[in-house]
Amino acid sequence: MSDNKYKMFRNFMVNELGISRDDIKEWTMQAVKETVEKEMRSVDAKKIAYDLARYEIKNVYDYSYQRDVVRGAIGDVVRNSLSVSVKLKEE
């Protein structure tokens, strides 16, 4: 757009319509906010997490090693959570 057409358009917006830069900035921010909120409502976080985990497991060079590491980590958690203290009763 040439400078002359831009000036004419800007003058029309400011003088005839009463639209300022702040109005345009506010409308743009509101439109972006509404669009982001709409898109975020359609995001399925559980599916994304599942897909990412599945992708990482598929791309592991040695799956059996990863399986053993995961089993060991689970075993450690279970062992630490279920530890039992046994005391012998003296007669």
Protein backbone atom coordinates (compact mmCIF):
# COMPACT_ATOMS: atom_id res chain seq x y z
CA MET A 1 0.00 0.00 0.00
CA SER A 2 1.48 3.36 -0.93
CA ASP A 3 2.05 5.98 1.73
CA ASN A 4 -0.81 8.10 0.42
CA LYS A 5 -3.34 5.25 0.56
CA TYR A 6 -2.09 4.28 4.02
CA LYS A 7 -2.53 7.84 5.28
CA MET A 8 -6.02 8.05 3.79
CA PHE A 9 -7.00 4.74 5.37
CA ARG A 10 -5.52 5.70 8.73
CA ASN A 11 -7.23 9.09 8.69
CA PHE A 12 -10.54 7.40 7.85
CA MET A 13 -10.13 4.97 10.76
CA VAL A 14 -9.13 7.68 13.22
CA ASN A 15 -11.37 10.54 12.12
CA GLU A 16 -14.49 8.84 10.77
CA LEU A 17 -14.59 5.61 12.78
CA GLY A 18 -12.83 6.81 15.93
CA ILE A 19 -10.52 3.78 16.02
CA SER A 20 -7.17 4.26 17.75
CA ARG A 21 -4.04 2.14 17.98
CA ASP A 22 -5.02 1.17 21.49
CA ASP A 23 -8.39 -0.08 20.20
CA ILE A 24 -6.69 -2.23 17.57
CA LYS A 25 -4.17 -3.51 20.11
CA GLU A 26 -6.96 -4.38 22.57
CA TRP A 27 -9.06 -6.14 19.89
CA THR A 28 -6.05 -8.09 18.68
CA MET A 29 -5.13 -9.21 22.20
CA GLN A 30 -8.73 -10.25 22.88
CA ALA A 31 -8.91 -12.21 19.61
CA VAL A 32 -5.63 -13.99 20.38
CA LYS A 33 -6.78 -14.78 23.93
CA GLU A 34 -10.06 -16.26 22.70
CA THR A 35 -8.30 -18.31 20.03
CA VAL A 36 -5.75 -19.69 22.50
CA GLU A 37 -8.48 -20.60 25.00
CA LYS A 38 -10.48 -22.34 22.27
CA GLU A 39 -7.44 -24.33 21.10
CA MET A 40 -6.44 -25.28 24.65
CA ARG A 41 -9.91 -26.69 25.33
CA SER A 42 -9.43 -29.07 22.41
CA VAL A 43 -6.05 -30.38 23.65
CA ASP A 44 -6.06 -33.89 25.11
CA ALA A 45 -3.12 -33.83 27.54
CA LYS A 46 -3.44 -37.52 28.46
CA LYS A 47 -3.24 -38.56 24.82
CA ILE A 48 -0.24 -36.32 24.21
CA ALA A 49 1.58 -37.78 27.24
CA TYR A 50 0.71 -41.33 26.16
CA ASP A 51 1.86 -40.71 22.59
CA LEU A 52 5.13 -39.12 23.74
CA ALA A 53 5.89 -41.99 26.11
CA ARG A 54 5.06 -44.53 23.43
CA TYR A 55 7.26 -42.72 20.92
CA GLU A 56 10.20 -42.62 23.33
CA ILE A 57 9.86 -46.33 24.14
CA LYS A 58 9.71 -47.20 20.44
CA ASN A 59 12.85 -45.21 19.74
CA VAL A 60 14.97 -46.75 22.48
CA TYR A 61 17.90 -48.63 20.99
CA ASP A 62 17.77 -51.50 23.45
CA TYR A 63 14.20 -52.05 24.61
CA SER A 64 15.10 -54.96 26.90
CA TYR A 65 17.55 -52.74 28.78
CA GLN A 66 14.88 -50.08 29.27
CA ARG A 67 12.41 -52.73 30.38
CA ASP A 68 14.89 -53.94 33.02
CA VAL A 69 15.56 -50.37 34.19
CA VAL A 70 11.83 -49.69 34.52
CA ARG A 71 11.25 -52.99 36.36
CA GLY A 72 14.14 -52.18 38.71
CA ALA A 73 12.78 -48.70 39.41
CA ILE A 74 9.32 -50.09 40.10
CA GLY A 75 10.83 -52.76 42.33
CA ASP A 76 12.73 -50.11 44.31
CA VAL A 77 9.57 -48.06 44.83
CA VAL A 78 7.56 -51.09 45.92
CA ARG A 79 10.36 -52.33 48.18
CA ASN A 80 10.74 -48.92 49.84
CA SER A 81 6.98 -48.49 50.21
CA LEU A 82 6.32 -51.92 51.64
CA SER A 83 9.31 -52.38 53.91
CA VAL A 84 8.40 -54.23 57.09
CA SER A 85 10.22 -54.16 60.35
CA VAL A 86 10.26 -57.45 62.25
CA LYS A 87 11.18 -57.65 65.92
CA LEU A 88 11.63 -60.91 67.73
CA LYS A 89 9.79 -61.21 70.99
CA GLU A 90 11.95 -62.36 73.84
CA GLU A 91 10.42 -64.88 76.20
